[in-house]
């Protein structure tokens, strides 16, 4: 099994930095590309899906292999209320 991340961990993703909002071990549906259409995501104890609230805006699901541990060295690029709300939605 690869690296596992926990809720609250700061991670680097292919879409920028973010915070792990959830670690899911059962299949679920997730909005595709921020739209209304949803896609089925498989997840299990052996292969969890990590939902990451992105620093810039929105959230996306990732496998642990697409993530790397990091930190927030600088202030977030955007800190308006709407973006912060989207990060935890």
PDB file of N, CA and C in Angstrom:
ATOM      1  N   UNK A   1       0.842  -1.171   0.000  1.00  0.00           N
ATOM      2  CA  UNK A   1       0.000   0.000   0.000  1.00  0.00           C
ATOM      3  C   UNK A   1       0.892   1.241   0.000  1.00  0.00           C
ATOM      4  N   UNK A   2       0.443   2.295  -0.726  1.00  0.00           N
ATOM      5  CA  UNK A   2       1.206   3.526  -0.805  1.00  0.00           C
ATOM      6  C   UNK A   2       0.987   4.396   0.416  1.00  0.00           C
ATOM      7  N   UNK A   3       1.483   5.599   0.339  1.00  0.00           N
ATOM      8  CA  UNK A   3       1.329   6.560   1.427  1.00  0.00           C
ATOM      9  C   UNK A   3      -0.142   6.876   1.639  1.00  0.00           C
ATOM     10  N   UNK A   4      -0.526   7.007   2.880  1.00  0.00           N
ATOM     11  CA  UNK A   4      -1.884   7.438   3.208  1.00  0.00           C
ATOM     12  C   UNK A   4      -1.807   8.809   3.845  1.00  0.00           C
ATOM     13  N   UNK A   5      -2.751   9.630   3.489  1.00  0.00           N
ATOM     14  CA  UNK A   5      -2.839  10.962   4.071  1.00  0.00           C
ATOM     15  C   UNK A   5      -4.096  11.020   4.927  1.00  0.00           C
ATOM     16  N   UNK A   6      -4.074  11.861   5.929  1.00  0.00           N
ATOM     17  CA  UNK A   6      -5.196  12.010   6.844  1.00  0.00           C
ATOM     18  C   UNK A   6      -5.884  13.349   6.623  1.00  0.00           C
ATOM     19  N   UNK A   7      -7.117  13.456   7.094  1.00  0.00           N
ATOM     20  CA  UNK A   7      -7.827  14.727   7.037  1.00  0.00           C
ATOM     21  C   UNK A   7      -6.979  15.801   7.705  1.00  0.00           C
ATOM     22  N   UNK A   8      -6.903  16.947   7.067  1.00  0.00           N
ATOM     23  CA  UNK A   8      -6.139  18.067   7.608  1.00  0.00           C
ATOM     24  C   UNK A   8      -4.708  18.139   7.106  1.00  0.00           C
ATOM     25  N   UNK A   9      -4.202  17.081   6.461  1.00  0.00           N
ATOM     26  CA  UNK A   9      -2.841  17.120   5.921  1.00  0.00           C
ATOM     27  C   UNK A   9      -2.770  18.095   4.749  1.00  0.00           C
ATOM     28  N   UNK A  10      -1.704  18.880   4.687  1.00  0.00           N
ATOM     29  CA  UNK A  10      -1.453  19.776   3.562  1.00  0.00           C
ATOM     30  C   UNK A  10      -0.693  18.969   2.520  1.00  0.00           C
ATOM     31  N   UNK A  11      -1.201  18.990   1.283  1.00  0.00           N
ATOM     32  CA  UNK A  11      -0.614  18.175   0.220  1.00  0.00           C
ATOM     33  C   UNK A  11      -0.453  18.977  -1.056  1.00  0.00           C
ATOM     34  N   UNK A  12       0.490  18.532  -1.878  1.00  0.00           N
ATOM     35  CA  UNK A  12       0.644  19.040  -3.230  1.00  0.00           C
ATOM     36  C   UNK A  12      -0.118  18.112  -4.161  1.00  0.00           C
ATOM     37  N   UNK A  13      -0.857  18.677  -5.123  1.00  0.00           N
ATOM     38  CA  UNK A  13      -1.614  17.898  -6.095  1.00  0.00           C
ATOM     39  C   UNK A  13      -1.212  18.339  -7.496  1.00  0.00           C
ATOM     40  N   UNK A  14      -1.660  17.630  -8.514  1.00  0.00           N
ATOM     41  CA  UNK A  14      -1.410  18.104  -9.877  1.00  0.00           C
ATOM     42  C   UNK A  14      -2.062  19.461 -10.157  1.00  0.00           C
ATOM     43  N   UNK A  15      -3.024  19.884  -9.313  1.00  0.00           N
ATOM     44  CA  UNK A  15      -3.717  21.148  -9.492  1.00  0.00           C
ATOM     45  C   UNK A  15      -3.307  22.205  -8.473  1.00  0.00           C
ATOM     46  N   UNK A  16      -2.218  22.000  -7.761  1.00  0.00           N
ATOM     47  CA  UNK A  16      -1.755  22.955  -6.760  1.00  0.00           C
ATOM     48  C   UNK A  16      -1.917  22.418  -5.344  1.00  0.00           C
ATOM     49  N   UNK A  17      -1.579  23.259  -4.356  1.00  0.00           N
ATOM     50  CA  UNK A  17      -1.659  22.842  -2.951  1.00  0.00           C
ATOM     51  C   UNK A  17      -3.085  22.804  -2.454  1.00  0.00           C
ATOM     52  N   UNK A  18      -3.272  22.003  -1.397  1.00  0.00           N
ATOM     53  CA  UNK A  18      -4.588  21.933  -0.780  1.00  0.00           C
ATOM     54  C   UNK A  18      -4.524  21.205   0.539  1.00  0.00           C
ATOM     55  N   UNK A  19      -5.684  20.981   1.123  1.00  0.00           N
ATOM     56  CA  UNK A  19      -5.807  20.289   2.400  1.00  0.00           C
ATOM     57  C   UNK A  19      -6.736  19.099   2.210  1.00  0.00           C
ATOM     58  N   UNK A  20      -6.340  17.945   2.747  1.00  0.00           N
ATOM     59  CA  UNK A  20      -7.186  16.756   2.653  1.00  0.00           C
ATOM     60  C   UNK A  20      -8.432  17.005   3.501  1.00  0.00           C
ATOM     61  N   UNK A  21      -9.595  17.007   2.837  1.00  0.00           N
ATOM     62  CA  UNK A  21     -10.859  17.254   3.519  1.00  0.00           C
ATOM     63  C   UNK A  21     -11.527  15.958   3.946  1.00  0.00           C
ATOM     64  N   UNK A  22     -11.258  14.868   3.219  1.00  0.00           N
ATOM     65  CA  UNK A  22     -11.876  13.578   3.549  1.00  0.00           C
ATOM     66  C   UNK A  22     -11.053  12.455   2.937  1.00  0.00           C
ATOM     67  N   UNK A  23     -11.034  11.323   3.627  1.00  0.00           N
ATOM     68  CA  UNK A  23     -10.423  10.096   3.116  1.00  0.00           C
ATOM     69  C   UNK A  23     -11.553   9.078   3.066  1.00  0.00           C
ATOM     70  N   UNK A  24     -11.953   8.703   1.853  1.00  0.00           N
ATOM     71  CA  UNK A  24     -13.124   7.853   1.672  1.00  0.00           C
ATOM     72  C   UNK A  24     -12.724   6.437   1.293  1.00  0.00           C
ATOM     73  N   UNK A  25     -13.380   5.463   1.899  1.00  0.00           N
ATOM     74  CA  UNK A  25     -13.060   4.056   1.653  1.00  0.00           C
ATOM     75  C   UNK A  25     -14.248   3.294   1.066  1.00  0.00           C
ATOM     76  N   UNK A  26     -15.256   4.016   0.630  1.00  0.00           N
ATOM     77  CA  UNK A  26     -16.398   3.426  -0.066  1.00  0.00           C
ATOM     78  C   UNK A  26     -16.661   4.261  -1.306  1.00  0.00           C
ATOM     79  N   UNK A  27     -17.181   3.621  -2.371  1.00  0.00           N
ATOM     80  CA  UNK A  27     -17.481   4.338  -3.599  1.00  0.00           C
ATOM     81  C   UNK A  27     -18.431   5.499  -3.358  1.00  0.00           C
ATOM     82  N   UNK A  28     -18.329   6.520  -4.199  1.00  0.00           N
ATOM     83  CA  UNK A  28     -19.169   7.712  -4.078  1.00  0.00           C
ATOM     84  C   UNK A  28     -19.240   8.416  -5.421  1.00  0.00           C
ATOM     85  N   UNK A  29     -20.149   9.379  -5.540  1.00  0.00           N
ATOM     86  CA  UNK A  29     -20.238  10.206  -6.738  1.00  0.00           C
ATOM     87  C   UNK A  29     -19.659  11.575  -6.420  1.00  0.00           C
ATOM     88  N   UNK A  30     -18.963  12.154  -7.403  1.00  0.00           N
ATOM     89  CA  UNK A  30     -18.283  13.434  -7.194  1.00  0.00           C
ATOM     90  C   UNK A  30     -18.512  14.303  -8.430  1.00  0.00           C
ATOM     91  N   UNK A  31     -18.771  15.601  -8.254  1.00  0.00           N
ATOM     92  CA  UNK A  31     -18.971  16.479  -9.418  1.00  0.00           C
ATOM     93  C   UNK A  31     -17.757  16.457 -10.345  1.00  0.00           C
ATOM     94  N   UNK A  32     -18.025  16.364 -11.619  1.00  0.00           N
ATOM     95  CA  UNK A  32     -16.957  16.330 -12.618  1.00  0.00           C
ATOM     96  C   UNK A  32     -16.625  17.747 -13.066  1.00  0.00           C
ATOM     97  N   UNK A  33     -15.376  18.122 -12.999  1.00  0.00           N
ATOM     98  CA  UNK A  33     -14.879  19.419 -13.475  1.00  0.00           C
ATOM     99  C   UNK A  33     -15.670  20.596 -12.923  1.00  0.00           C
ATOM    100  N   UNK A  34     -16.116  20.487 -11.675  1.00  0.00           N
ATOM    101  CA  UNK A  34     -16.812  21.592 -11.034  1.00  0.00           C
ATOM    102  C   UNK A  34     -18.219  21.832 -11.551  1.00  0.00           C
ATOM    103  N   UNK A  35     -18.705  20.953 -12.420  1.00  0.00           N
ATOM    104  CA  UNK A  35     -20.042  21.130 -12.987  1.00  0.00           C
ATOM    105  C   UNK A  35     -21.088  20.342 -12.229  1.00  0.00           C
ATOM    106  N   UNK A  36     -22.265  20.230 -12.837  1.00  0.00           N
ATOM    107  CA  UNK A  36     -23.358  19.512 -12.208  1.00  0.00           C
ATOM    108  C   UNK A  36     -23.303  18.017 -12.488  1.00  0.00           C
ATOM    109  N   UNK A  37     -22.634  17.615 -13.568  1.00  0.00           N
ATOM    110  CA  UNK A  37     -22.525  16.201 -13.898  1.00  0.00           C
ATOM    111  C   UNK A  37     -21.605  15.502 -12.897  1.00  0.00           C
ATOM    112  N   UNK A  38     -22.018  14.309 -12.465  1.00  0.00           N
ATOM    113  CA  UNK A  38     -21.220  13.582 -11.476  1.00  0.00           C
ATOM    114  C   UNK A  38     -20.612  12.333 -12.082  1.00  0.00           C
ATOM    115  N   UNK A  39     -19.502  11.920 -11.513  1.00  0.00           N
ATOM    116  CA  UNK A  39     -18.831  10.711 -11.951  1.00  0.00           C
ATOM    117  C   UNK A  39     -18.707   9.761 -10.765  1.00  0.00           C
ATOM    118  N   UNK A  40     -18.765   8.479 -11.017  1.00  0.00           N
ATOM    119  CA  UNK A  40     -18.638   7.465  -9.974  1.00  0.00           C
ATOM    120  C   UNK A  40     -17.156   7.283  -9.649  1.00  0.00           C
ATOM    121  N   UNK A  41     -16.814   7.324  -8.381  1.00  0.00           N
ATOM    122  CA  UNK A  41     -15.442   7.137  -7.924  1.00  0.00           C
ATOM    123  C   UNK A  41     -15.402   5.895  -7.042  1.00  0.00           C
ATOM    124  N   UNK A  42     -14.524   4.960  -7.378  1.00  0.00           N
ATOM    125  CA  UNK A  42     -14.394   3.766  -6.543  1.00  0.00           C
ATOM    126  C   UNK A  42     -13.388   4.042  -5.433  1.00  0.00           C
ATOM    127  N   UNK A  43     -13.625   3.441  -4.287  1.00  0.00           N
ATOM    128  CA  UNK A  43     -12.713   3.589  -3.150  1.00  0.00           C
ATOM    129  C   UNK A  43     -12.890   2.380  -2.242  1.00  0.00           C
ATOM    130  N   UNK A  44     -11.825   2.005  -1.563  1.00  0.00           N
ATOM    131  CA  UNK A  44     -11.870   0.876  -0.637  1.00  0.00           C
ATOM    132  C   UNK A  44     -10.832   1.100   0.452  1.00  0.00           C
ATOM    133  N   UNK A  45     -10.801   0.212   1.437  1.00  0.00           N
ATOM    134  CA  UNK A  45      -9.783   0.309   2.485  1.00  0.00           C
ATOM    135  C   UNK A  45      -8.386   0.212   1.889  1.00  0.00           C
ATOM    136  N   UNK A  46      -8.220  -0.629   0.867  1.00  0.00           N
ATOM    137  CA  UNK A  46      -6.910  -0.818   0.231  1.00  0.00           C
ATOM    138  C   UNK A  46      -6.566   0.288  -0.759  1.00  0.00           C
ATOM    139  N   UNK A  47      -7.590   0.986  -1.252  1.00  0.00           N
ATOM    140  CA  UNK A  47      -7.355   2.034  -2.252  1.00  0.00           C
ATOM    141  C   UNK A  47      -8.298   3.205  -1.993  1.00  0.00           C
ATOM    142  N   UNK A  48      -8.029   3.978  -0.931  1.00  0.00           N
ATOM    143  CA  UNK A  48      -8.914   5.096  -0.584  1.00  0.00           C
ATOM    144  C   UNK A  48      -8.813   6.245  -1.581  1.00  0.00           C
ATOM    145  N   UNK A  49      -9.849   7.057  -1.608  1.00  0.00           N
ATOM    146  CA  UNK A  49      -9.843   8.294  -2.389  1.00  0.00           C
ATOM    147  C   UNK A  49      -9.708   9.451  -1.408  1.00  0.00           C
ATOM    148  N   UNK A  50      -8.884  10.412  -1.757  1.00  0.00           N
ATOM    149  CA  UNK A  50      -8.648  11.585  -0.910  1.00  0.00           C
ATOM    150  C   UNK A  50      -9.311  12.787  -1.565  1.00  0.00           C
ATOM    151  N   UNK A  51     -10.265  13.399  -0.889  1.00  0.00           N
ATOM    152  CA  UNK A  51     -10.881  14.626  -1.384  1.00  0.00           C
ATOM    153  C   UNK A  51     -10.072  15.783  -0.825  1.00  0.00           C
ATOM    154  N   UNK A  52      -9.556  16.604  -1.733  1.00  0.00           N
ATOM    155  CA  UNK A  52      -8.663  17.699  -1.348  1.00  0.00           C
ATOM    156  C   UNK A  52      -9.313  19.032  -1.693  1.00  0.00           C
ATOM    157  N   UNK A  53      -9.454  19.910  -0.690  1.00  0.00           N
ATOM    158  CA  UNK A  53      -9.874  21.287  -0.914  1.00  0.00           C
ATOM    159  C   UNK A  53      -8.676  22.057  -1.412  1.00  0.00           C
ATOM    160  N   UNK A  54      -8.763  22.554  -2.632  1.00  0.00           N
ATOM    161  CA  UNK A  54      -7.608  23.217  -3.254  1.00  0.00           C
ATOM    162  C   UNK A  54      -7.437  24.647  -2.774  1.00  0.00           C
ATOM    163  N   UNK A  55      -6.202  25.078  -2.705  1.00  0.00           N
ATOM    164  CA  UNK A  55      -5.876  26.435  -2.253  1.00  0.00           C
ATOM    165  C   UNK A  55      -6.510  27.488  -3.158  1.00  0.00           C
ATOM    166  N   UNK A  56      -6.520  27.248  -4.443  1.00  0.00           N
ATOM    167  CA  UNK A  56      -7.016  28.260  -5.368  1.00  0.00           C
ATOM    168  C   UNK A  56      -8.529  28.305  -5.433  1.00  0.00           C
ATOM    169  N   UNK A  57      -9.191  27.130  -5.502  1.00  0.00           N
ATOM    170  CA  UNK A  57     -10.652  27.108  -5.548  1.00  0.00           C
ATOM    171  C   UNK A  57     -11.136  25.690  -5.793  1.00  0.00           C
ATOM    172  N   UNK A  58     -12.222  25.317  -5.141  1.00  0.00           N
ATOM    173  CA  UNK A  58     -12.859  24.033  -5.373  1.00  0.00           C
ATOM    174  C   UNK A  58     -12.189  22.874  -4.670  1.00  0.00           C
ATOM    175  N   UNK A  59     -12.650  21.681  -5.008  1.00  0.00           N
ATOM    176  CA  UNK A  59     -12.080  20.466  -4.440  1.00  0.00           C
ATOM    177  C   UNK A  59     -12.112  19.373  -5.499  1.00  0.00           C
ATOM    178  N   UNK A  60     -11.225  18.404  -5.349  1.00  0.00           N
ATOM    179  CA  UNK A  60     -11.104  17.304  -6.307  1.00  0.00           C
ATOM    180  C   UNK A  60     -10.672  16.062  -5.563  1.00  0.00           C
ATOM    181  N   UNK A  61     -10.986  14.899  -6.115  1.00  0.00           N
ATOM    182  CA  UNK A  61     -10.575  13.626  -5.532  1.00  0.00           C
ATOM    183  C   UNK A  61      -9.287  13.126  -6.155  1.00  0.00           C
ATOM    184  N   UNK A  62      -8.430  12.537  -5.345  1.00  0.00           N
ATOM    185  CA  UNK A  62      -7.138  12.020  -5.805  1.00  0.00           C
ATOM    186  C   UNK A  62      -6.832  10.694  -5.123  1.00  0.00           C
ATOM    187  N   UNK A  63      -6.018   9.889  -5.765  1.00  0.00           N
ATOM    188  CA  UNK A  63      -5.406   8.727  -5.136  1.00  0.00           C
ATOM    189  C   UNK A  63      -4.137   9.219  -4.445  1.00  0.00           C
ATOM    190  N   UNK A  64      -3.698   8.509  -3.431  1.00  0.00           N
ATOM    191  CA  UNK A  64      -2.504   8.907  -2.678  1.00  0.00           C
ATOM    192  C   UNK A  64      -1.287   9.041  -3.584  1.00  0.00           C
ATOM    193  N   UNK A  65      -1.216   8.232  -4.632  1.00  0.00           N
ATOM    194  CA  UNK A  65      -0.054   8.273  -5.535  1.00  0.00           C
ATOM    195  C   UNK A  65       0.067   9.601  -6.279  1.00  0.00           C
ATOM    196  N   UNK A  66      -1.022  10.377  -6.361  1.00  0.00           N
ATOM    197  CA  UNK A  66      -0.990  11.670  -7.040  1.00  0.00           C
ATOM    198  C   UNK A  66      -0.671  12.823  -6.086  1.00  0.00           C
ATOM    199  N   UNK A  67      -0.512  12.513  -4.802  1.00  0.00           N
ATOM    200  CA  UNK A  67      -0.293  13.543  -3.785  1.00  0.00           C
ATOM    201  C   UNK A  67       1.113  13.475  -3.224  1.00  0.00           C
ATOM    202  N   UNK A  68       1.565  14.600  -2.681  1.00  0.00           N
ATOM    203  CA  UNK A  68       2.831  14.606  -1.936  1.00  0.00           C
ATOM    204  C   UNK A  68       2.689  15.552  -0.753  1.00  0.00           C
ATOM    205  N   UNK A  69       3.310  15.178   0.336  1.00  0.00           N
ATOM    206  CA  UNK A  69       3.249  16.005   1.542  1.00  0.00           C
ATOM    207  C   UNK A  69       3.947  17.331   1.277  1.00  0.00           C
ATOM    208  N   UNK A  70       3.376  18.402   1.757  1.00  0.00           N
ATOM    209  CA  UNK A  70       3.953  19.729   1.591  1.00  0.00           C
ATOM    210  C   UNK A  70       3.467  20.598   2.748  1.00  0.00           C
ATOM    211  N   UNK A  71       3.698  21.861   2.666  1.00  0.00           N
ATOM    212  CA  UNK A  71       3.228  22.791   3.683  1.00  0.00           C
ATOM    213  C   UNK A  71       2.835  24.092   3.021  1.00  0.00           C
ATOM    214  N   UNK A  72       2.223  24.967   3.771  1.00  0.00           N
ATOM    215  CA  UNK A  72       1.907  26.295   3.272  1.00  0.00           C
ATOM    216  C   UNK A  72       3.037  27.224   3.673  1.00  0.00           C
ATOM    217  N   UNK A  73       4.001  27.398   2.787  1.00  0.00           N
ATOM    218  CA  UNK A  73       5.145  28.269   3.071  1.00  0.00           C
ATOM    219  C   UNK A  73       4.760  29.735   2.977  1.00  0.00           C
ATOM    220  N   UNK A  74       3.849  30.032   2.084  1.00  0.00           N
ATOM    221  CA  UNK A  74       3.413  31.399   1.863  1.00  0.00           C
ATOM    222  C   UNK A  74       1.935  31.503   2.189  1.00  0.00           C
ATOM    223  N   UNK A  75       1.448  32.722   2.227  1.00  0.00           N
ATOM    224  CA  UNK A  75       0.014  32.922   2.399  1.00  0.00           C
ATOM    225  C   UNK A  75      -0.694  32.352   1.179  1.00  0.00           C
ATOM    226  N   UNK A  76      -1.922  31.871   1.326  1.00  0.00           N
ATOM    227  CA  UNK A  76      -2.679  31.402   0.167  1.00  0.00           C
ATOM    228  C   UNK A  76      -2.789  32.496  -0.882  1.00  0.00           C
ATOM    229  N   UNK A  77      -2.863  32.078  -2.170  1.00  0.00           N
ATOM    230  CA  UNK A  77      -2.947  33.051  -3.252  1.00  0.00           C
ATOM    231  C   UNK A  77      -4.201  33.900  -3.153  1.00  0.00           C
ATOM    232  N   UNK A  78      -5.338  33.286  -2.731  1.00  0.00           N
ATOM    233  CA  UNK A  78      -6.600  33.995  -2.603  1.00  0.00           C
ATOM    234  C   UNK A  78      -7.211  33.639  -1.260  1.00  0.00           C
ATOM    235  N   UNK A  79      -7.744  34.634  -0.597  1.00  0.00           N
ATOM    236  CA  UNK A  79      -8.332  34.348   0.706  1.00  0.00           C
ATOM    237  C   UNK A  79      -9.732  34.924   0.847  1.00  0.00           C
ATOM    238  N   UNK A  80     -10.396  35.235  -0.299  1.00  0.00           N
ATOM    239  CA  UNK A  80     -11.738  35.780  -0.146  1.00  0.00           C
ATOM    240  C   UNK A  80     -12.683  34.709   0.400  1.00  0.00           C
ATOM    241  N   UNK A  81     -13.753  35.138   1.004  1.00  0.00           N
ATOM    242  CA  UNK A  81     -14.690  34.236   1.687  1.00  0.00           C
ATOM    243  C   UNK A  81     -15.253  33.168   0.759  1.00  0.00           C
ATOM    244  N   UNK A  82     -15.546  33.520  -0.491  1.00  0.00           N
ATOM    245  CA  UNK A  82     -16.120  32.547  -1.423  1.00  0.00           C
ATOM    246  C   UNK A  82     -15.161  31.384  -1.654  1.00  0.00           C
ATOM    247  N   UNK A  83     -13.892  31.657  -1.845  1.00  0.00           N
ATOM    248  CA  UNK A  83     -12.920  30.585  -2.057  1.00  0.00           C
ATOM    249  C   UNK A  83     -12.789  29.736  -0.820  1.00  0.00           C
ATOM    250  N   UNK A  84     -12.716  30.323   0.358  1.00  0.00           N
ATOM    251  CA  UNK A  84     -12.609  29.536   1.575  1.00  0.00           C
ATOM    252  C   UNK A  84     -13.828  28.646   1.760  1.00  0.00           C
ATOM    253  N   UNK A  85     -15.013  29.143   1.431  1.00  0.00           N
ATOM    254  CA  UNK A  85     -16.228  28.336   1.509  1.00  0.00           C
ATOM    255  C   UNK A  85     -16.139  27.152   0.554  1.00  0.00           C
ATOM    256  N   UNK A  86     -15.668  27.379  -0.667  1.00  0.00           N
ATOM    257  CA  UNK A  86     -15.547  26.297  -1.636  1.00  0.00           C
ATOM    258  C   UNK A  86     -14.548  25.245  -1.201  1.00  0.00           C
ATOM    259  N   UNK A  87     -13.521  25.640  -0.454  1.00  0.00           N
ATOM    260  CA  UNK A  87     -12.515  24.679  -0.033  1.00  0.00           C
ATOM    261  C   UNK A  87     -13.088  23.651   0.933  1.00  0.00           C
ATOM    262  N   UNK A  88     -14.078  24.014   1.709  1.00  0.00           N
ATOM    263  CA  UNK A  88     -14.620  23.080   2.679  1.00  0.00           C
ATOM    264  C   UNK A  88     -15.979  22.517   2.271  1.00  0.00           C
ATOM    265  N   UNK A  89     -16.487  22.905   1.123  1.00  0.00           N
ATOM    266  CA  UNK A  89     -17.777  22.416   0.644  1.00  0.00           C
ATOM    267  C   UNK A  89     -17.653  21.014   0.121  1.00  0.00           C
TER     268      UNK A  89
END
